[in-house]
Amino acid sequence: MSLPRSTLYSHYLAHCSAHGIDPVNAASFGKLIRSVFVGLRTRRLGTRGNSKYHYYGIRVRPGSSVLKTEPPPKKEESLTVHLGDPKAILPSVWPEDKDESCEPSAKFAASYRRHFDEVIHAIGSLDLNGVQGLWKTFWQSDELKSLTLDQTLADWVIQTDYTIFNSIITCLLLPQLLKSIPQTLTQQIRNFAKNIEQWMESALQGFDPAFVAAKLQAVNAFSHTLRRYTSLNHLSSAARAVLENQQQIQQMVSDLNRVDFRTVQEQASWVCGCDDELVQSIERSFKGLLQEEKTFENWGSWCLSVLDSCLGEASDTRSVTQFFFKWGFYSSLVMRDLTLRSASSFGSFHLIRLLFDEYIFYLIEQRVAKSSGKTPLQVLGEVCSLDFLTI
């Protein structure tokens, strides 16, 4: 019994298209198939030169619509439909009626706004490589080299960079962080993030070293955040497929009900002082959400509710650190119990735990930034060195 991998994936794509669902890529789909059909093997079948990979150990049910599935027609997808509105960025952080004479240099402020308008337009049309030329053209001016020696102006430039870079991420490139986007778009964004620090460094040849260092720190925070958020987005796409698969959910509920939560709670309480009542409340809400067949978006709300329950309004370093320690220790105990019991859904739980860890970190990052009156990028740029940020 065997089934071509391409046939199954084509059927999946057709289903997603018919129901308005954003599909995961072929690699992520393969991982999901193996999590559902435990022990499934892959073989290459066919004559030399015409062989294809098949799933070995499953077959198509007679009369199934899979037998009638044709590969979806290939057509160019407009990736820009997954982006936010580029026209909304500048007015929100730089109103049209702003009195530019209040800035360190009215002339420079006006030109810098026009420059960012061009950059945002290029990014909004996914002409990402065009940003390199725009930066190089704008900054290679002897007049600007002398202007940026003024510390007040230099500080204003860096603050503006952090603000607009943050808006480009949250309002344009990744306006809905947990919503699936095509793998092609993800790769374009990651390639852009990989190159922008080098582009800016090249554009700033001959500028004051202190100004260059500050600019590169802002760009590095921009790059690092883009890579983190695209990874989180990719992770959410894979987790979505698990959390919307009722067969897999039933297996997860069954495995979770066998976990010795009493022992887990005793150990967590002894090591990190976890509040028993709060832990039980989180445990019940997690099980309830699994059994209620909620949408994927409900899980994002659940993460936020957990954070609010544990931290309240706190956003100081000590409270945040303690929360991460307790969250990580407790979840590792649950994963250990699932491992020892050889739970069939261990892979699904591992994937979901990764998603929750990353998303809760994102939520805390937003909370800390808001309480400090700064953007997440600015907080990141201030507390981390460039060497640490380079990944």
Protein backbone atom coordinates (compact mmCIF):
# COMPACT_ATOMS: atom_id res chain seq x y z
CA MET A 1 0.00 0.00 0.00
CA SER A 2 1.46 3.35 -1.01
CA LEU A 3 0.41 6.86 -1.96
CA PRO A 4 2.42 9.50 -3.86
CA ARG A 5 3.38 12.36 -1.56
CA SER A 6 2.53 14.87 -4.29
CA THR A 7 -1.02 13.48 -4.61
CA LEU A 8 -1.76 13.91 -0.93
CA TYR A 9 -0.25 17.39 -0.80
CA SER A 10 -2.19 18.46 -3.93
CA HIS A 11 -5.41 17.29 -2.30
CA TYR A 12 -4.49 19.30 0.81
CA LEU A 13 -3.84 22.43 -1.30
CA ALA A 14 -7.16 22.02 -3.07
CA HIS A 15 -8.95 21.68 0.27
CA CYS A 16 -7.25 24.83 1.62
CA SER A 17 -8.14 26.76 -1.51
CA ALA A 18 -11.79 25.68 -1.35
CA HIS A 19 -12.15 26.70 2.29
CA GLY A 20 -10.05 29.87 2.29
CA ILE A 21 -7.31 28.36 4.48
CA ASP A 22 -3.66 29.37 4.17
CA PRO A 23 -1.70 26.14 3.56
CA VAL A 24 1.63 25.22 5.13
CA ASN A 25 4.54 24.33 2.86
CA ALA A 26 5.26 20.77 1.71
CA ALA A 27 7.93 20.14 4.36
CA SER A 28 5.68 21.19 7.25
CA PHE A 29 2.80 19.18 5.76
CA GLY A 30 5.04 16.09 5.69
CA LYS A 31 5.84 16.51 9.39
CA LEU A 32 2.14 16.77 10.20
CA ILE A 33 1.33 13.63 8.22
CA ARG A 34 3.94 11.70 10.21
CA SER A 35 2.53 13.01 13.48
CA VAL A 36 -0.91 11.71 12.53
CA PHE A 37 0.19 8.40 10.93
CA VAL A 38 2.78 7.27 13.48
CA GLY A 39 5.39 4.93 11.99
CA LEU A 40 4.66 5.94 8.39
CA ARG A 41 7.58 5.28 6.03
CA THR A 42 8.66 6.92 2.79
CA ARG A 43 9.91 5.10 -0.31
CA ARG A 44 10.98 6.15 -3.77
CA LEU A 45 8.99 4.12 -6.30
CA GLY A 46 8.94 4.03 -10.09
CA THR A 47 11.32 3.45 -12.96
CA ARG A 48 14.72 5.10 -13.15
CA GLY A 49 14.33 8.75 -14.10
CA ASN A 50 10.60 8.74 -13.32
CA SER A 51 10.56 7.67 -9.68
CA LYS A 52 8.63 9.64 -7.05
CA TYR A 53 8.48 9.59 -3.28
CA HIS A 54 5.51 7.68 -1.86
CA TYR A 55 4.08 7.28 1.62
CA TYR A 56 4.37 3.56 2.30
CA GLY A 57 1.77 2.00 4.59
CA ILE A 58 -1.34 4.00 3.64
CA ARG A 59 -3.63 4.00 0.64
CA VAL A 60 -6.56 5.96 -0.77
CA ARG A 61 -9.97 4.80 0.44
CA PRO A 62 -12.04 3.55 -2.53
CA GLY A 63 -14.31 6.31 -3.81
CA SER A 64 -12.30 9.03 -2.06
CA SER A 65 -12.15 12.45 -3.68
CA VAL A 66 -8.33 12.19 -3.55
CA LEU A 67 -8.54 9.94 -6.61
CA LYS A 68 -10.14 12.80 -8.53
CA THR A 69 -7.78 15.51 -7.28
CA GLU A 70 -5.77 17.27 -9.91
CA PRO A 71 -2.85 19.51 -8.98
CA PRO A 72 -4.07 23.10 -8.60
CA PRO A 73 -3.28 25.28 -11.60
CA LYS A 74 -0.01 27.13 -11.28
CA LYS A 75 -0.45 30.85 -11.24
CA GLU A 76 1.49 33.83 -9.98
CA GLU A 77 0.27 34.74 -6.53
CA SER A 78 0.27 38.40 -5.59
CA LEU A 79 2.22 38.26 -2.33
CA THR A 80 1.42 41.86 -1.54
CA VAL A 81 -2.13 40.90 -0.50
CA HIS A 82 -0.60 39.45 2.67
CA LEU A 83 0.95 42.80 3.61
CA GLY A 84 -0.54 45.70 5.51
CA ASP A 85 -1.22 49.17 4.11
CA PRO A 86 2.06 51.08 3.52
CA LYS A 87 0.16 54.38 3.31
CA ALA A 88 -0.86 54.10 6.95
CA ILE A 89 2.65 53.98 8.40
CA LEU A 90 4.03 57.50 8.04
CA PRO A 91 0.85 59.39 9.01
CA SER A 92 0.60 57.33 12.20
CA VAL A 93 4.13 58.10 13.37
CA TRP A 94 4.76 61.31 11.47
CA PRO A 95 1.53 63.31 10.92
CA GLU A 96 1.27 65.42 7.79
CA ASP A 97 0.50 68.52 9.82
CA LYS A 98 3.53 68.09 12.07
CA ASP A 99 5.48 71.32 12.50
CA GLU A 100 8.81 70.28 11.05
CA SER A 101 10.38 73.56 12.17
CA CYS A 102 10.33 72.09 15.69
CA GLU A 103 12.79 69.39 14.63
CA PRO A 104 16.58 69.89 14.82
CA SER A 105 16.63 70.78 11.14
CA ALA A 106 13.39 71.55 9.30
CA LYS A 107 14.98 70.95 5.91
CA PHE A 108 16.49 67.64 6.95
CA ALA A 109 13.27 66.49 8.66
CA ALA A 110 11.31 67.08 5.45
CA SER A 111 13.86 65.24 3.32
CA TYR A 112 14.05 62.36 5.80
CA ARG A 113 10.29 61.95 5.67
CA ARG A 114 10.36 61.81 1.87
CA HIS A 115 13.19 59.30 2.05
CA PHE A 116 11.26 57.00 4.38
CA ASP A 117 8.20 57.39 2.16
CA GLU A 118 10.25 55.93 -0.72
CA VAL A 119 11.61 53.14 1.47
CA ILE A 120 8.14 52.18 2.72
CA HIS A 121 6.77 52.23 -0.83
CA ALA A 122 9.57 49.90 -1.99
CA ILE A 123 8.94 47.48 0.87
CA GLY A 124 5.17 47.65 0.35
CA SER A 125 5.61 46.63 -3.29
CA LEU A 126 8.15 43.95 -2.22
CA ASP A 127 10.98 45.65 -4.08
CA LEU A 128 13.13 44.77 -1.08
CA ASN A 129 16.45 44.93 -2.91
CA GLY A 130 15.57 48.46 -3.98
CA VAL A 131 16.01 49.61 -0.37
CA GLN A 132 19.77 49.23 -0.75
CA GLY A 133 19.86 51.79 -3.55
CA LEU A 134 17.56 54.20 -1.70
CA TRP A 135 19.77 54.15 1.38
CA LYS A 136 22.94 54.59 -0.62
CA THR A 137 21.53 57.49 -2.66
CA PHE A 138 20.19 59.34 0.38
CA TRP A 139 23.16 59.02 2.72
CA GLN A 140 26.03 59.64 0.30
CA SER A 141 25.96 63.40 0.77
CA ASP A 142 28.76 65.50 2.26
CA GLU A 143 26.15 67.84 3.71
CA LEU A 144 24.56 65.01 5.69
CA LYS A 145 27.95 63.88 7.00
CA SER A 146 28.42 67.25 8.65
CA LEU A 147 24.78 67.57 9.78
CA THR A 148 24.81 64.30 11.69
CA LEU A 149 27.73 65.48 13.81
CA ASP A 150 25.10 67.46 15.70
CA GLN A 151 24.19 65.15 18.60
CA THR A 152 20.62 66.42 18.85
CA LEU A 153 19.99 65.69 15.18
CA ALA A 154 21.73 62.31 15.40
CA ASP A 155 19.58 61.28 18.37
CA TRP A 156 16.42 62.36 16.54
CA VAL A 157 17.40 60.29 13.48
CA ILE A 158 17.96 57.15 15.57
CA GLN A 159 14.68 57.57 17.46
CA THR A 160 12.84 58.04 14.15
CA ASP A 161 14.49 54.90 12.75
CA TYR A 162 13.36 52.76 15.68
CA THR A 163 9.80 54.07 15.47
CA ILE A 164 9.37 53.56 11.72
CA PHE A 165 11.24 50.26 11.58
CA ASN A 166 8.88 48.96 14.26
CA SER A 167 5.85 50.16 12.26
CA ILE A 168 7.18 48.55 9.08
CA ILE A 169 7.22 45.20 10.90
CA THR A 170 3.93 45.40 12.77
CA CYS A 171 1.85 47.38 10.27
CA LEU A 172 3.29 46.34 6.89
CA LEU A 173 5.33 43.15 6.67
CA LEU A 174 3.71 41.13 9.47
CA PRO A 175 0.46 42.87 10.41
CA GLN A 176 -1.06 39.64 11.78
CA LEU A 177 1.75 37.69 13.37
CA LEU A 178 -0.11 34.40 13.82
CA LYS A 179 -1.77 34.37 10.40
CA SER A 180 -0.14 32.06 7.85
CA ILE A 181 1.74 33.67 4.97
CA PRO A 182 3.23 31.97 1.89
CA GLN A 183 6.67 30.45 2.34
CA THR A 184 7.87 32.52 -0.62
CA LEU A 185 7.06 35.73 1.23
CA THR A 186 8.68 34.47 4.42
CA GLN A 187 11.88 33.75 2.54
CA GLN A 188 11.89 37.17 0.89
CA ILE A 189 11.54 38.88 4.26
CA ARG A 190 14.31 36.75 5.79
CA ASN A 191 16.66 37.46 2.89
CA PHE A 192 15.92 41.17 3.31
CA ALA A 193 16.67 40.94 7.04
CA LYS A 194 19.93 39.15 6.33
CA ASN A 195 21.25 41.91 4.07
CA ILE A 196 20.08 45.21 5.54
CA GLU A 197 22.87 45.71 8.06
CA GLN A 198 25.49 45.35 5.33
CA TRP A 199 23.51 47.73 3.09
CA MET A 200 23.33 50.40 5.77
CA GLU A 201 27.01 50.06 6.67
CA SER A 202 27.94 50.50 3.02
CA ALA A 203 25.66 53.55 2.68
CA LEU A 204 27.24 55.24 5.70
CA GLN A 205 30.82 55.17 4.47
CA GLY A 206 32.67 58.23 5.78
CA PHE A 207 30.17 59.16 8.50
CA ASP A 208 31.05 59.75 12.15
CA PRO A 209 31.76 56.32 13.76
CA ALA A 210 29.46 57.00 16.72
CA PHE A 211 26.56 57.83 14.37
CA VAL A 212 27.28 54.75 12.24
CA ALA A 213 27.31 52.52 15.33
CA ALA A 214 23.95 53.88 16.51
CA LYS A 215 22.37 53.49 13.05
CA LEU A 216 23.66 49.93 12.72
CA GLN A 217 22.32 49.06 16.16
CA ALA A 218 18.85 50.19 15.06
CA VAL A 219 19.09 48.29 11.76
CA ASN A 220 20.40 45.21 13.56
CA ALA A 221 17.43 45.27 15.94
CA PHE A 222 15.18 45.61 12.86
CA SER A 223 16.86 42.62 11.20
CA HIS A 224 16.84 40.46 14.32
CA THR A 225 13.16 41.13 14.99
CA LEU A 226 12.17 40.34 11.40
CA ARG A 227 13.91 36.97 11.65
CA ARG A 228 12.36 36.18 15.02
CA TYR A 229 8.87 37.15 13.94
CA THR A 230 9.03 35.22 10.64
CA SER A 231 10.19 32.17 12.60
CA LEU A 232 7.28 32.62 14.99
CA ASN A 233 4.90 32.98 12.05
CA HIS A 234 6.23 29.79 10.45
CA LEU A 235 5.89 27.98 13.77
CA SER A 236 2.29 29.14 14.09
CA SER A 237 1.48 27.76 10.64
CA ALA A 238 2.72 24.32 11.63
CA ALA A 239 0.95 24.44 15.01
CA ARG A 240 -2.29 25.61 13.37
CA ALA A 241 -2.47 22.41 11.36
CA VAL A 242 -2.18 20.38 14.58
CA LEU A 243 -4.62 22.41 16.65
CA GLU A 244 -7.26 22.29 13.92
CA ASN A 245 -6.94 18.53 13.40
CA GLN A 246 -9.61 16.92 15.56
CA GLN A 247 -8.12 13.43 15.33
CA GLN A 248 -4.83 14.77 16.62
CA ILE A 249 -6.59 16.83 19.30
CA GLN A 250 -8.37 13.73 20.60
CA GLN A 251 -5.06 11.92 20.91
CA MET A 252 -3.55 14.89 22.74
CA VAL A 253 -6.45 14.99 25.20
CA SER A 254 -6.12 11.26 25.80
CA ASP A 255 -2.36 11.52 26.43
CA LEU A 256 -2.75 14.60 28.62
CA ASN A 257 -5.30 12.86 30.84
CA ARG A 258 -2.67 10.24 31.66
CA VAL A 259 -0.12 12.80 32.86
CA ASP A 260 0.50 12.68 36.63
CA PHE A 261 -0.28 16.35 37.24
CA ARG A 262 -0.27 15.86 41.01
CA THR A 263 3.40 14.93 41.00
CA VAL A 264 4.19 17.60 38.45
CA GLN A 265 2.52 20.23 40.61
CA GLU A 266 4.29 19.07 43.77
CA GLN A 267 7.69 19.29 42.11
CA ALA A 268 6.94 22.67 40.56
CA SER A 269 5.69 24.03 43.87
CA TRP A 270 8.81 22.81 45.71
CA VAL A 271 11.34 24.11 43.17
CA CYS A 272 9.88 27.42 42.03
CA GLY A 273 7.01 28.17 44.39
CA CYS A 274 4.28 27.89 41.75
CA ASP A 275 0.89 28.84 43.15
CA ASP A 276 -1.17 25.62 43.27
CA GLU A 277 -4.51 27.25 42.59
CA LEU A 278 -3.19 29.30 39.67
CA VAL A 279 -1.45 26.28 38.13
CA GLN A 280 -4.62 24.20 38.39
CA SER A 281 -6.60 26.99 36.75
CA ILE A 282 -4.18 27.12 33.81
CA GLU A 283 -4.24 23.33 33.50
CA ARG A 284 -8.05 23.25 33.41
CA SER A 285 -8.29 26.07 30.89
CA PHE A 286 -5.76 24.34 28.61
CA LYS A 287 -7.62 21.02 28.69
CA GLY A 288 -10.93 22.80 28.21
CA LEU A 289 -9.67 24.67 25.16
CA LEU A 290 -8.44 21.43 23.62
CA GLN A 291 -11.80 19.75 24.10
CA GLU A 292 -13.94 22.70 22.97
CA GLU A 293 -12.59 22.68 19.40
CA LYS A 294 -11.73 26.38 19.47
CA THR A 295 -10.14 28.19 16.54
CA PHE A 296 -6.40 28.73 16.37
CA GLU A 297 -6.84 32.40 17.22
CA ASN A 298 -8.36 31.38 20.57
CA TRP A 299 -4.98 29.91 21.53
CA GLY A 300 -3.34 33.29 21.09
CA SER A 301 -5.94 34.76 23.43
CA TRP A 302 -5.28 31.91 25.88
CA CYS A 303 -1.57 32.78 26.00
CA LEU A 304 -2.46 36.38 26.77
CA SER A 305 -4.85 35.32 29.53
CA VAL A 306 -2.14 33.14 31.11
CA LEU A 307 0.25 36.07 31.06
CA ASP A 308 -2.31 38.39 32.63
CA SER A 309 -3.16 35.82 35.32
CA CYS A 310 0.48 35.31 36.28
CA LEU A 311 1.85 38.83 35.93
CA GLY A 312 -1.14 41.11 36.34
CA GLU A 313 0.08 44.58 35.41
CA ALA A 314 3.72 43.87 36.29
CA SER A 315 6.38 44.37 33.61
CA ASP A 316 9.55 44.76 35.68
CA THR A 317 12.58 42.56 34.99
CA ARG A 318 12.30 40.52 38.19
CA SER A 319 8.63 39.60 37.67
CA VAL A 320 9.18 38.73 34.02
CA THR A 321 12.25 36.60 34.79
CA GLN A 322 10.40 34.71 37.52
CA PHE A 323 7.48 34.04 35.20
CA PHE A 324 9.72 32.61 32.47
CA PHE A 325 11.51 30.39 34.98
CA LYS A 326 8.25 29.00 36.36
CA TRP A 327 6.64 28.61 32.93
CA GLY A 328 9.68 26.80 31.52
CA PHE A 329 10.14 24.52 34.53
CA TYR A 330 6.51 23.48 34.77
CA SER A 331 6.13 22.83 31.04
CA SER A 332 9.38 20.80 30.99
CA LEU A 333 7.97 18.56 33.75
CA VAL A 334 4.83 17.93 31.69
CA MET A 335 6.92 17.14 28.59
CA ARG A 336 9.07 14.75 30.63
CA ASP A 337 5.97 12.88 31.82
CA LEU A 338 4.70 12.62 28.23
CA THR A 339 8.12 11.29 27.17
CA LEU A 340 8.22 8.64 29.89
CA ARG A 341 4.75 7.48 28.90
CA SER A 342 5.73 7.31 25.20
CA ALA A 343 2.78 9.54 24.36
CA SER A 344 1.79 9.27 20.69
CA SER A 345 1.13 13.00 20.56
CA PHE A 346 4.49 14.02 22.04
CA GLY A 347 5.54 15.67 18.76
CA SER A 348 2.37 17.76 18.71
CA PHE A 349 2.88 18.89 22.30
CA HIS A 350 6.49 19.75 21.59
CA LEU A 351 5.48 21.89 18.61
CA ILE A 352 2.78 23.68 20.60
CA ARG A 353 5.12 24.28 23.51
CA LEU A 354 7.62 25.94 21.15
CA LEU A 355 4.86 28.15 19.79
CA PHE A 356 3.60 29.15 23.25
CA ASP A 357 7.14 29.90 24.46
CA GLU A 358 7.83 32.17 21.49
CA TYR A 359 4.45 33.87 21.47
CA ILE A 360 4.44 34.57 25.20
CA PHE A 361 7.94 36.03 24.87
CA TYR A 362 6.57 38.26 22.11
CA LEU A 363 3.66 39.37 24.33
CA ILE A 364 6.01 40.19 27.21
CA GLU A 365 8.29 42.09 24.85
CA GLN A 366 5.33 44.24 23.80
CA ARG A 367 4.29 44.75 27.42
CA VAL A 368 7.77 45.84 28.58
CA ALA A 369 8.15 48.20 25.64
CA LYS A 370 4.75 49.78 26.27
CA SER A 371 5.46 50.36 29.95
CA SER A 372 8.77 52.05 29.10
CA GLY A 373 7.23 54.27 26.41
CA LYS A 374 9.54 52.83 23.77
CA THR A 375 9.22 50.52 20.78
CA PRO A 376 10.20 46.84 21.17
CA LEU A 377 13.02 47.46 18.70
CA GLN A 378 14.38 50.30 20.79
CA VAL A 379 14.33 48.21 23.96
CA LEU A 380 16.09 45.44 22.08
CA GLY A 381 18.70 47.82 20.72
CA GLU A 382 19.41 49.28 24.15
CA VAL A 383 19.78 46.08 26.15
CA CYS A 384 21.62 43.86 23.66
CA SER A 385 25.02 44.21 22.04
CA LEU A 386 25.47 43.90 18.29
CA ASP A 387 27.47 40.69 18.69
CA PHE A 388 24.65 39.12 20.70
CA LEU A 389 22.04 40.11 18.13
CA THR A 390 23.87 38.61 15.16
CA ILE A 391 22.36 35.20 14.41
